[in-house]
């Protein structure tokens, strides 16, 4: 098939692969025809659906970006975030290396740790 700029569309396709580190997902990103693509319409945590298509669509229907952003943040805060009493992340950073230390710390977190509340502290 020939790509026609006026009538064709491509979507991102992400295939997850087995990685060396269980904390970090590994995948392959490619482009594919839109008619061959699909996306999961819900979010699952520990096998349980926590956000469904209806909630995602309701957020997308908001006319202003600020409203979409607020609804999305509320969904994350209410349904995905782990309560402080169930665990939180303490991230130590050096003032002189703020960006580097922060990136290293975030990249070392597991998928479960990403849902916890983070507390950044400066080392003296």
Foldseek 3Di string as FASTA:
>chain_A
DDDDPVPWDKDKDWDWDDDPDQQDIDIDIDIDTPVPDDDAAFDDDPNHTQGGNVLLVVLVPDPDPVSSVVSVVVSLVPGQADDVVVDAAEQEDEPVCRVVSVVVVVVPGGPNRVRYHYDYDYDD
